[in-house]
Amino acid sequence: DVDPAIIKESSVVISIPSDGEYYLGKEKVNKADIGTEVKRRMEKKPPEEQIVYIKSGVGVSYGDVVGIIDEVRRKGEVQQIGLVADKKKKGGAETPAPAPAS
């Protein structure tokens, strides 16, 4: 089931369909601009509604998702972040991308 807050027009959703590709809502954005743009969109929201949802594709690396979380927390000044899992597409299971080596 989908959280109704995610599909509201006013929700802030960052989509990462593939590594290095970022959308804020339906607008394609650069990674460097995400935090600033999130902060701008959060300014008029009450604190309890200042949540950012991050949705990534099955093949997106863990490191790319963590990088976006860091940007949102640091520049966007948002602490409530929800991770949205896409259901796998038909045609079999895909193997998730391995975590980057430390």
Protein backbone atom coordinates (compact mmCIF):
# COMPACT_ATOMS: atom_id res chain seq x y z
CA ASP A 1 0.00 0.00 0.00
CA VAL A 2 1.12 3.55 -0.76
CA ASP A 3 1.30 6.16 2.02
CA PRO A 4 -1.29 8.80 1.03
CA ALA A 5 1.19 11.56 1.96
CA ILE A 6 3.52 10.47 -0.86
CA ILE A 7 1.00 11.01 -3.63
CA LYS A 8 -0.22 14.44 -2.47
CA GLU A 9 0.60 17.26 -4.90
CA SER A 10 2.42 19.15 -2.14
CA SER A 11 4.68 16.23 -1.21
CA VAL A 12 8.40 16.56 -1.87
CA VAL A 13 9.52 13.43 -3.70
CA ILE A 14 13.02 12.87 -5.06
CA SER A 15 13.22 10.13 -7.67
CA ILE A 16 16.45 8.42 -8.68
CA PRO A 17 15.56 6.20 -11.65
CA SER A 18 19.22 5.38 -12.34
CA ASP A 19 22.63 6.34 -10.94
CA GLY A 20 23.33 10.04 -11.51
CA GLU A 21 19.78 10.89 -12.64
CA TYR A 22 17.63 12.92 -10.22
CA TYR A 23 14.11 14.32 -10.27
CA LEU A 24 12.39 16.57 -7.77
CA GLY A 25 8.75 15.85 -8.49
CA LYS A 26 8.67 15.72 -12.31
CA GLU A 27 11.51 18.22 -12.75
CA LYS A 28 14.99 16.93 -13.58
CA VAL A 29 17.59 18.49 -11.26
CA ASN A 30 21.34 18.38 -10.68
CA LYS A 31 22.54 16.67 -7.52
CA ALA A 32 24.25 19.89 -6.39
CA ASP A 33 20.91 21.78 -6.51
CA ILE A 34 18.72 19.24 -4.71
CA GLY A 35 19.35 20.42 -1.13
CA THR A 36 18.72 24.09 -1.95
CA GLU A 37 15.58 23.31 -3.93
CA VAL A 38 14.22 21.06 -1.15
CA LYS A 39 14.82 23.82 1.41
CA ARG A 40 12.91 26.29 -0.78
CA ARG A 41 9.95 23.92 -1.10
CA MET A 42 9.88 23.24 2.66
CA GLU A 43 9.89 26.89 3.81
CA LYS A 44 6.10 27.28 4.00
CA LYS A 45 5.31 23.82 5.32
CA PRO A 46 4.57 23.26 9.01
CA PRO A 47 7.26 21.16 10.78
CA GLU A 48 5.09 18.02 10.87
CA GLU A 49 4.80 18.10 7.06
CA GLN A 50 8.51 18.66 6.37
CA ILE A 51 9.17 15.18 5.05
CA VAL A 52 11.11 14.29 1.92
CA TYR A 53 10.42 10.98 0.19
CA ILE A 54 13.24 9.38 -1.79
CA LYS A 55 12.31 6.81 -4.41
CA SER A 56 15.04 4.94 -6.25
CA GLY A 57 15.11 2.45 -9.08
CA VAL A 58 16.06 -1.15 -8.43
CA GLY A 59 19.51 -0.78 -10.03
CA VAL A 60 20.50 2.45 -8.25
CA SER A 61 23.59 2.09 -6.05
CA TYR A 62 23.28 2.42 -2.30
CA GLY A 63 25.97 5.11 -2.35
CA ASP A 64 23.92 7.30 -4.70
CA VAL A 65 20.88 7.13 -2.39
CA VAL A 66 23.00 7.91 0.69
CA GLY A 67 24.56 10.87 -1.15
CA ILE A 68 21.10 12.35 -1.77
CA ILE A 69 20.08 11.78 1.86
CA ASP A 70 23.21 13.67 2.95
CA GLU A 71 22.44 16.57 0.58
CA VAL A 72 18.85 16.84 1.83
CA ARG A 73 19.90 16.79 5.48
CA ARG A 74 22.81 19.21 5.07
CA LYS A 75 21.55 21.81 2.58
CA GLY A 76 17.82 21.16 2.75
CA GLU A 77 17.83 21.11 6.55
CA VAL A 78 15.31 18.26 6.58
CA GLN A 79 15.50 15.50 9.15
CA GLN A 80 12.43 13.44 8.23
CA ILE A 81 13.20 11.34 5.18
CA GLY A 82 11.12 8.45 3.90
CA LEU A 83 12.52 5.81 1.58
CA VAL A 84 10.05 4.49 -0.98
CA ALA A 85 10.61 1.05 -2.48
CA ASP A 86 9.50 0.46 -6.06
CA LYS A 87 7.96 -2.94 -6.62
CA LYS A 88 9.97 -5.10 -9.00
CA LYS A 89 8.86 -5.10 -12.59
CA LYS A 90 7.47 -8.22 -14.21
CA GLY A 91 9.97 -10.54 -15.79
CA GLY A 92 11.89 -11.83 -12.80
CA ALA A 93 13.87 -10.56 -9.87
CA GLU A 94 16.69 -8.14 -10.38
CA THR A 95 19.78 -8.20 -8.23
CA PRO A 96 20.25 -5.01 -6.23
CA ALA A 97 23.42 -3.02 -6.80
CA PRO A 98 26.17 -3.91 -4.32
CA ALA A 99 27.11 -1.40 -1.63
CA PRO A 100 30.24 0.59 -2.51
CA ALA A 101 33.48 -0.68 -1.00
CA SER A 102 34.71 1.35 1.96
